[in-house]
Amino acid sequence: MAAETLVLAIRSVAAGAFWWDAIASQEIQTAFQHSSSTGAVLPLADADGENPLTKRELEILSLVAKGKSNQEIADELYIAPGTVRVHVHTILRKLEVRDRTQAALLAIERRLVSL
């Protein structure tokens, strides 16, 4: 990684943004292209066959998939950044993923969000 890129990444993260490296960006793009080309839709359902995410959680997940930071999401939805953190934590738990990148990939694969 070039020094300039590293400095940009550090400044972005320090400012509350997210840094998507080339590999993560490529994985997201590949997943999106694959799901679009195959037309496959992977179901997201709980034990009752219902989507476990609330409307607000889907709204936040959509913004996460677009690479928005908690602060940017909070500003856009007129809620506190702490509220966004709680929603993101709940989304990760419900989707059984480790991080925002996995949540974004899953959301794109299952067509829960549109970019």
N, C-alpha and C. Protein backbone atom coordinates (compact mmCIF):
# COMPACT_ATOMS: atom_id res chain seq x y z
N MET A 1 0.85 -1.16 0.00
CA MET A 1 0.00 0.00 0.00
C MET A 1 0.90 1.23 0.00
N ALA A 2 0.60 2.17 -0.86
CA ALA A 2 1.38 3.39 -0.93
C ALA A 2 1.18 4.23 0.33
N ALA A 3 2.19 4.99 0.69
CA ALA A 3 2.13 5.81 1.90
C ALA A 3 0.95 6.79 1.84
N GLU A 4 0.72 7.38 0.68
CA GLU A 4 -0.40 8.33 0.54
C GLU A 4 -1.74 7.64 0.78
N THR A 5 -1.87 6.43 0.31
CA THR A 5 -3.10 5.67 0.50
C THR A 5 -3.30 5.34 1.97
N LEU A 6 -2.21 4.95 2.63
CA LEU A 6 -2.28 4.64 4.06
C LEU A 6 -2.69 5.87 4.87
N VAL A 7 -2.10 7.02 4.56
CA VAL A 7 -2.45 8.26 5.26
C VAL A 7 -3.92 8.59 5.03
N LEU A 8 -4.39 8.45 3.81
CA LEU A 8 -5.79 8.71 3.50
C LEU A 8 -6.70 7.77 4.28
N ALA A 9 -6.33 6.51 4.35
CA ALA A 9 -7.13 5.53 5.09
C ALA A 9 -7.20 5.89 6.56
N ILE A 10 -6.06 6.24 7.15
CA ILE A 10 -6.02 6.60 8.57
C ILE A 10 -6.85 7.84 8.83
N ARG A 11 -6.72 8.85 8.00
CA ARG A 11 -7.50 10.08 8.18
C ARG A 11 -8.99 9.81 8.02
N SER A 12 -9.35 8.99 7.08
CA SER A 12 -10.76 8.66 6.86
C SER A 12 -11.36 7.98 8.08
N VAL A 13 -10.66 6.99 8.60
CA VAL A 13 -11.14 6.25 9.77
C VAL A 13 -11.19 7.15 10.99
N ALA A 14 -10.17 7.99 11.16
CA ALA A 14 -10.13 8.92 12.30
C ALA A 14 -11.30 9.90 12.25
N ALA A 15 -11.75 10.23 11.04
CA ALA A 15 -12.87 11.15 10.88
C ALA A 15 -14.22 10.46 11.00
N GLY A 16 -14.20 9.15 11.23
CA GLY A 16 -15.45 8.42 11.41
C GLY A 16 -15.96 7.72 10.16
N ALA A 17 -15.21 7.81 9.08
CA ALA A 17 -15.61 7.14 7.84
C ALA A 17 -15.08 5.71 7.86
N PHE A 18 -15.36 4.99 6.81
CA PHE A 18 -14.89 3.63 6.68
C PHE A 18 -13.94 3.55 5.52
N TRP A 19 -12.97 2.69 5.65
CA TRP A 19 -12.01 2.49 4.58
C TRP A 19 -12.27 1.14 3.95
N TRP A 20 -12.59 1.14 2.69
CA TRP A 20 -12.82 -0.10 1.95
C TRP A 20 -11.61 -0.30 1.05
N ASP A 21 -10.81 -1.28 1.36
CA ASP A 21 -9.65 -1.52 0.52
C ASP A 21 -10.09 -2.15 -0.80
N ALA A 22 -9.14 -2.27 -1.69
CA ALA A 22 -9.46 -2.77 -3.03
C ALA A 22 -10.02 -4.19 -3.00
N ILE A 23 -9.52 -5.02 -2.09
CA ILE A 23 -9.99 -6.41 -2.02
C ILE A 23 -11.45 -6.46 -1.57
N ALA A 24 -11.78 -5.72 -0.51
CA ALA A 24 -13.16 -5.71 -0.02
C ALA A 24 -14.10 -5.14 -1.08
N SER A 25 -13.68 -4.06 -1.72
CA SER A 25 -14.51 -3.47 -2.77
C SER A 25 -14.74 -4.46 -3.91
N GLN A 26 -13.70 -5.19 -4.29
CA GLN A 26 -13.82 -6.17 -5.37
C GLN A 26 -14.76 -7.30 -4.97
N GLU A 27 -14.67 -7.76 -3.71
CA GLU A 27 -15.56 -8.83 -3.25
C GLU A 27 -17.02 -8.39 -3.29
N ILE A 28 -17.27 -7.17 -2.87
CA ILE A 28 -18.64 -6.66 -2.90
C ILE A 28 -19.14 -6.56 -4.34
N GLN A 29 -18.30 -6.02 -5.20
CA GLN A 29 -18.69 -5.88 -6.60
C GLN A 29 -18.94 -7.25 -7.24
N THR A 30 -18.07 -8.20 -6.98
CA THR A 30 -18.23 -9.55 -7.52
C THR A 30 -19.51 -10.20 -7.02
N ALA A 31 -19.78 -10.07 -5.73
CA ALA A 31 -21.01 -10.64 -5.16
C ALA A 31 -22.24 -10.02 -5.80
N PHE A 32 -22.20 -8.72 -5.99
CA PHE A 32 -23.34 -8.03 -6.59
C PHE A 32 -23.53 -8.47 -8.04
N GLN A 33 -22.44 -8.53 -8.79
CA GLN A 33 -22.53 -8.95 -10.19
C GLN A 33 -23.01 -10.39 -10.30
N HIS A 34 -22.52 -11.26 -9.41
CA HIS A 34 -22.91 -12.67 -9.44
C HIS A 34 -24.40 -12.81 -9.16
N SER A 35 -24.88 -12.12 -8.13
CA SER A 35 -26.30 -12.26 -7.79
C SER A 35 -27.18 -11.63 -8.86
N SER A 36 -26.68 -10.57 -9.51
CA SER A 36 -27.45 -9.94 -10.58
C SER A 36 -27.50 -10.81 -11.83
N SER A 37 -26.36 -11.45 -12.15
CA SER A 37 -26.31 -12.24 -13.38
C SER A 37 -27.04 -13.56 -13.26
N THR A 38 -27.04 -14.15 -12.08
CA THR A 38 -27.71 -15.44 -11.91
C THR A 38 -29.18 -15.29 -11.60
N GLY A 39 -29.54 -14.11 -11.09
CA GLY A 39 -30.93 -13.91 -10.70
C GLY A 39 -31.29 -14.64 -9.42
N ALA A 40 -30.30 -15.25 -8.79
CA ALA A 40 -30.57 -16.01 -7.57
C ALA A 40 -30.84 -15.07 -6.41
N VAL A 41 -31.81 -15.43 -5.64
CA VAL A 41 -32.12 -14.67 -4.44
C VAL A 41 -32.03 -15.63 -3.27
N LEU A 42 -31.13 -15.33 -2.36
CA LEU A 42 -30.99 -16.16 -1.18
C LEU A 42 -31.96 -15.66 -0.12
N PRO A 43 -32.81 -16.50 0.39
CA PRO A 43 -33.81 -16.03 1.35
C PRO A 43 -33.18 -15.62 2.66
N LEU A 44 -33.75 -14.59 3.25
CA LEU A 44 -33.36 -14.17 4.59
C LEU A 44 -34.61 -14.28 5.43
N ALA A 45 -34.64 -15.27 6.28
CA ALA A 45 -35.84 -15.49 7.08
C ALA A 45 -35.46 -16.06 8.42
N ASP A 46 -36.31 -15.77 9.39
CA ASP A 46 -36.11 -16.38 10.70
C ASP A 46 -36.87 -17.69 10.75
N ALA A 47 -37.02 -18.27 11.91
CA ALA A 47 -37.66 -19.58 12.05
C ALA A 47 -39.11 -19.57 11.56
N ASP A 48 -39.76 -18.42 11.62
CA ASP A 48 -41.16 -18.31 11.18
C ASP A 48 -41.28 -17.97 9.70
N GLY A 49 -40.14 -17.86 9.01
CA GLY A 49 -40.18 -17.52 7.60
C GLY A 49 -40.30 -16.03 7.35
N GLU A 50 -40.12 -15.22 8.38
CA GLU A 50 -40.23 -13.78 8.24
C GLU A 50 -38.85 -13.14 8.21
N ASN A 51 -38.75 -11.99 7.57
CA ASN A 51 -37.51 -11.24 7.57
C ASN A 51 -37.26 -10.74 8.99
N PRO A 52 -36.11 -11.04 9.57
CA PRO A 52 -35.87 -10.66 10.97
C PRO A 52 -35.55 -9.18 11.15
N LEU A 53 -35.27 -8.46 10.07
CA LEU A 53 -34.89 -7.05 10.19
C LEU A 53 -36.11 -6.14 10.14
N THR A 54 -36.08 -5.11 10.96
CA THR A 54 -37.15 -4.12 10.94
C THR A 54 -36.94 -3.19 9.75
N LYS A 55 -37.93 -2.38 9.48
CA LYS A 55 -37.83 -1.41 8.38
C LYS A 55 -36.65 -0.47 8.62
N ARG A 56 -36.48 -0.01 9.85
CA ARG A 56 -35.38 0.90 10.19
C ARG A 56 -34.03 0.21 10.03
N GLU A 57 -33.95 -1.05 10.44
CA GLU A 57 -32.70 -1.80 10.28
C GLU A 57 -32.35 -1.98 8.81
N LEU A 58 -33.35 -2.23 7.97
CA LEU A 58 -33.10 -2.34 6.53
C LEU A 58 -32.62 -1.01 5.96
N GLU A 59 -33.20 0.07 6.45
CA GLU A 59 -32.80 1.41 6.01
C GLU A 59 -31.33 1.66 6.38
N ILE A 60 -30.96 1.31 7.59
CA ILE A 60 -29.58 1.49 8.04
C ILE A 60 -28.65 0.55 7.29
N LEU A 61 -29.06 -0.68 7.08
CA LEU A 61 -28.25 -1.64 6.33
C LEU A 61 -27.98 -1.14 4.92
N SER A 62 -28.96 -0.52 4.30
CA SER A 62 -28.79 0.04 2.97
C SER A 62 -27.70 1.11 2.97
N LEU A 63 -27.70 1.95 3.98
CA LEU A 63 -26.69 3.01 4.08
C LEU A 63 -25.32 2.43 4.41
N VAL A 64 -25.28 1.40 5.23
CA VAL A 64 -24.02 0.70 5.52
C VAL A 64 -23.45 0.13 4.22
N ALA A 65 -24.30 -0.48 3.41
CA ALA A 65 -23.85 -1.08 2.15
C ALA A 65 -23.32 -0.03 1.18
N LYS A 66 -23.76 1.21 1.35
CA LYS A 66 -23.27 2.30 0.51
C LYS A 66 -21.99 2.91 1.07
N GLY A 67 -21.49 2.34 2.18
CA GLY A 67 -20.22 2.79 2.74
C GLY A 67 -20.32 3.96 3.69
N LYS A 68 -21.52 4.28 4.14
CA LYS A 68 -21.70 5.42 5.05
C LYS A 68 -21.18 5.09 6.45
N SER A 69 -20.63 6.09 7.11
CA SER A 69 -20.19 5.95 8.50
C SER A 69 -21.39 6.08 9.43
N ASN A 70 -21.20 5.71 10.69
CA ASN A 70 -22.28 5.87 11.67
C ASN A 70 -22.72 7.33 11.75
N GLN A 71 -21.75 8.25 11.73
CA GLN A 71 -22.09 9.67 11.81
C GLN A 71 -22.89 10.11 10.59
N GLU A 72 -22.48 9.67 9.41
CA GLU A 72 -23.21 10.03 8.19
C GLU A 72 -24.63 9.47 8.21
N ILE A 73 -24.78 8.24 8.68
CA ILE A 73 -26.11 7.63 8.79
C ILE A 73 -26.95 8.41 9.79
N ALA A 74 -26.35 8.74 10.93
CA ALA A 74 -27.06 9.50 11.96
C ALA A 74 -27.53 10.84 11.41
N ASP A 75 -26.66 11.54 10.69
CA ASP A 75 -27.02 12.83 10.12
C ASP A 75 -28.16 12.70 9.11
N GLU A 76 -28.09 11.67 8.29
CA GLU A 76 -29.10 11.48 7.24
C GLU A 76 -30.46 11.10 7.82
N LEU A 77 -30.46 10.31 8.90
CA LEU A 77 -31.72 9.82 9.47
C LEU A 77 -32.17 10.63 10.69
N TYR A 78 -31.39 11.66 11.04
CA TYR A 78 -31.73 12.52 12.19
C TYR A 78 -31.85 11.73 13.48
N ILE A 79 -30.86 10.86 13.70
CA ILE A 79 -30.79 10.10 14.95
C ILE A 79 -29.37 10.22 15.51
N ALA A 80 -29.19 9.81 16.74
CA ALA A 80 -27.87 9.90 17.38
C ALA A 80 -26.94 8.80 16.84
N PRO A 81 -25.64 9.10 16.76
CA PRO A 81 -24.69 8.08 16.33
C PRO A 81 -24.74 6.83 17.21
N GLY A 82 -25.00 7.00 18.49
CA GLY A 82 -25.12 5.86 19.39
C GLY A 82 -26.28 4.96 19.00
N THR A 83 -27.36 5.57 18.55
CA THR A 83 -28.52 4.79 18.09
C THR A 83 -28.15 3.98 16.85
N VAL A 84 -27.38 4.59 15.97
CA VAL A 84 -26.92 3.88 14.77
C VAL A 84 -26.07 2.68 15.18
N ARG A 85 -25.15 2.89 16.14
CA ARG A 85 -24.29 1.79 16.60
C ARG A 85 -25.13 0.62 17.14
N VAL A 86 -26.16 0.95 17.89
CA VAL A 86 -27.03 -0.11 18.44
C VAL A 86 -27.73 -0.86 17.31
N HIS A 87 -28.25 -0.11 16.33
CA HIS A 87 -28.92 -0.76 15.19
C HIS A 87 -27.94 -1.65 14.42
N VAL A 88 -26.74 -1.14 14.17
CA VAL A 88 -25.75 -1.92 13.41
C VAL A 88 -25.40 -3.19 14.18
N HIS A 89 -25.20 -3.07 15.48
CA HIS A 89 -24.91 -4.25 16.30
C HIS A 89 -26.04 -5.28 16.19
N THR A 90 -27.28 -4.81 16.26
CA THR A 90 -28.44 -5.70 16.16
C THR A 90 -28.50 -6.36 14.78
N ILE A 91 -28.22 -5.58 13.74
CA ILE A 91 -28.22 -6.11 12.37
C ILE A 91 -27.18 -7.23 12.24
N LEU A 92 -25.97 -6.97 12.74
CA LEU A 92 -24.90 -7.97 12.66
C LEU A 92 -25.30 -9.25 13.39
N ARG A 93 -25.92 -9.09 14.54
CA ARG A 93 -26.35 -10.26 15.32
C ARG A 93 -27.43 -11.03 14.58
N LYS A 94 -28.43 -10.32 14.05
CA LYS A 94 -29.54 -10.99 13.36
C LYS A 94 -29.08 -11.69 12.08
N LEU A 95 -28.14 -11.07 11.38
CA LEU A 95 -27.65 -11.67 10.13
C LEU A 95 -26.55 -12.69 10.37
N GLU A 96 -26.11 -12.78 11.62
CA GLU A 96 -25.05 -13.71 12.00
C GLU A 96 -23.78 -13.49 11.20
N VAL A 97 -23.36 -12.22 11.14
CA VAL A 97 -22.12 -11.84 10.46
C VAL A 97 -21.21 -11.13 11.46
N ARG A 98 -19.92 -11.04 11.11
CA ARG A 98 -18.94 -10.47 12.03
C ARG A 98 -18.79 -8.96 11.91
N ASP A 99 -18.99 -8.43 10.71
CA ASP A 99 -18.70 -7.01 10.53
C ASP A 99 -19.59 -6.40 9.45
N ARG A 100 -19.42 -5.10 9.27
CA ARG A 100 -20.24 -4.34 8.33
C ARG A 100 -20.04 -4.81 6.89
N THR A 101 -18.81 -5.19 6.56
CA THR A 101 -18.54 -5.65 5.20
C THR A 101 -19.33 -6.91 4.89
N GLN A 102 -19.33 -7.85 5.83
CA GLN A 102 -20.11 -9.08 5.63
C GLN A 102 -21.60 -8.76 5.55
N ALA A 103 -22.06 -7.84 6.36
CA ALA A 103 -23.48 -7.45 6.33
C ALA A 103 -23.82 -6.84 4.98
N ALA A 104 -22.93 -5.99 4.46
CA ALA A 104 -23.17 -5.36 3.16
C ALA A 104 -23.20 -6.41 2.05
N LEU A 105 -22.25 -7.35 2.08
CA LEU A 105 -22.23 -8.41 1.08
C LEU A 105 -23.50 -9.24 1.12
N LEU A 106 -23.92 -9.62 2.31
CA LEU A 106 -25.13 -10.42 2.47
C LEU A 106 -26.35 -9.66 1.97
N ALA A 107 -26.41 -8.38 2.30
CA ALA A 107 -27.55 -7.56 1.87
C ALA A 107 -27.62 -7.47 0.35
N ILE A 108 -26.46 -7.35 -0.29
CA ILE A 108 -26.43 -7.27 -1.75
C ILE A 108 -26.79 -8.62 -2.36
N GLU A 109 -26.21 -9.70 -1.83
CA GLU A 109 -26.49 -11.03 -2.36
C GLU A 109 -27.97 -11.38 -2.27
N ARG A 110 -28.59 -10.99 -1.19
CA ARG A 110 -30.00 -11.34 -0.97
C ARG A 110 -30.96 -10.26 -1.43
N ARG A 111 -30.39 -9.27 -2.08
CA ARG A 111 -31.19 -8.17 -2.63
C ARG A 111 -32.05 -7.48 -1.56
N LEU A 112 -31.46 -7.32 -0.41
CA LEU A 112 -32.15 -6.59 0.65
C LEU A 112 -32.00 -5.09 0.46
N VAL A 113 -30.96 -4.70 -0.28
CA VAL A 113 -30.69 -3.29 -0.53
C VAL A 113 -30.43 -3.09 -2.01
N SER A 114 -30.63 -1.87 -2.45
CA SER A 114 -30.25 -1.51 -3.82
C SER A 114 -29.24 -0.39 -3.72
N LEU A 115 -28.21 -0.48 -4.54
CA LEU A 115 -27.14 0.52 -4.48
C LEU A 115 -27.34 1.58 -5.52
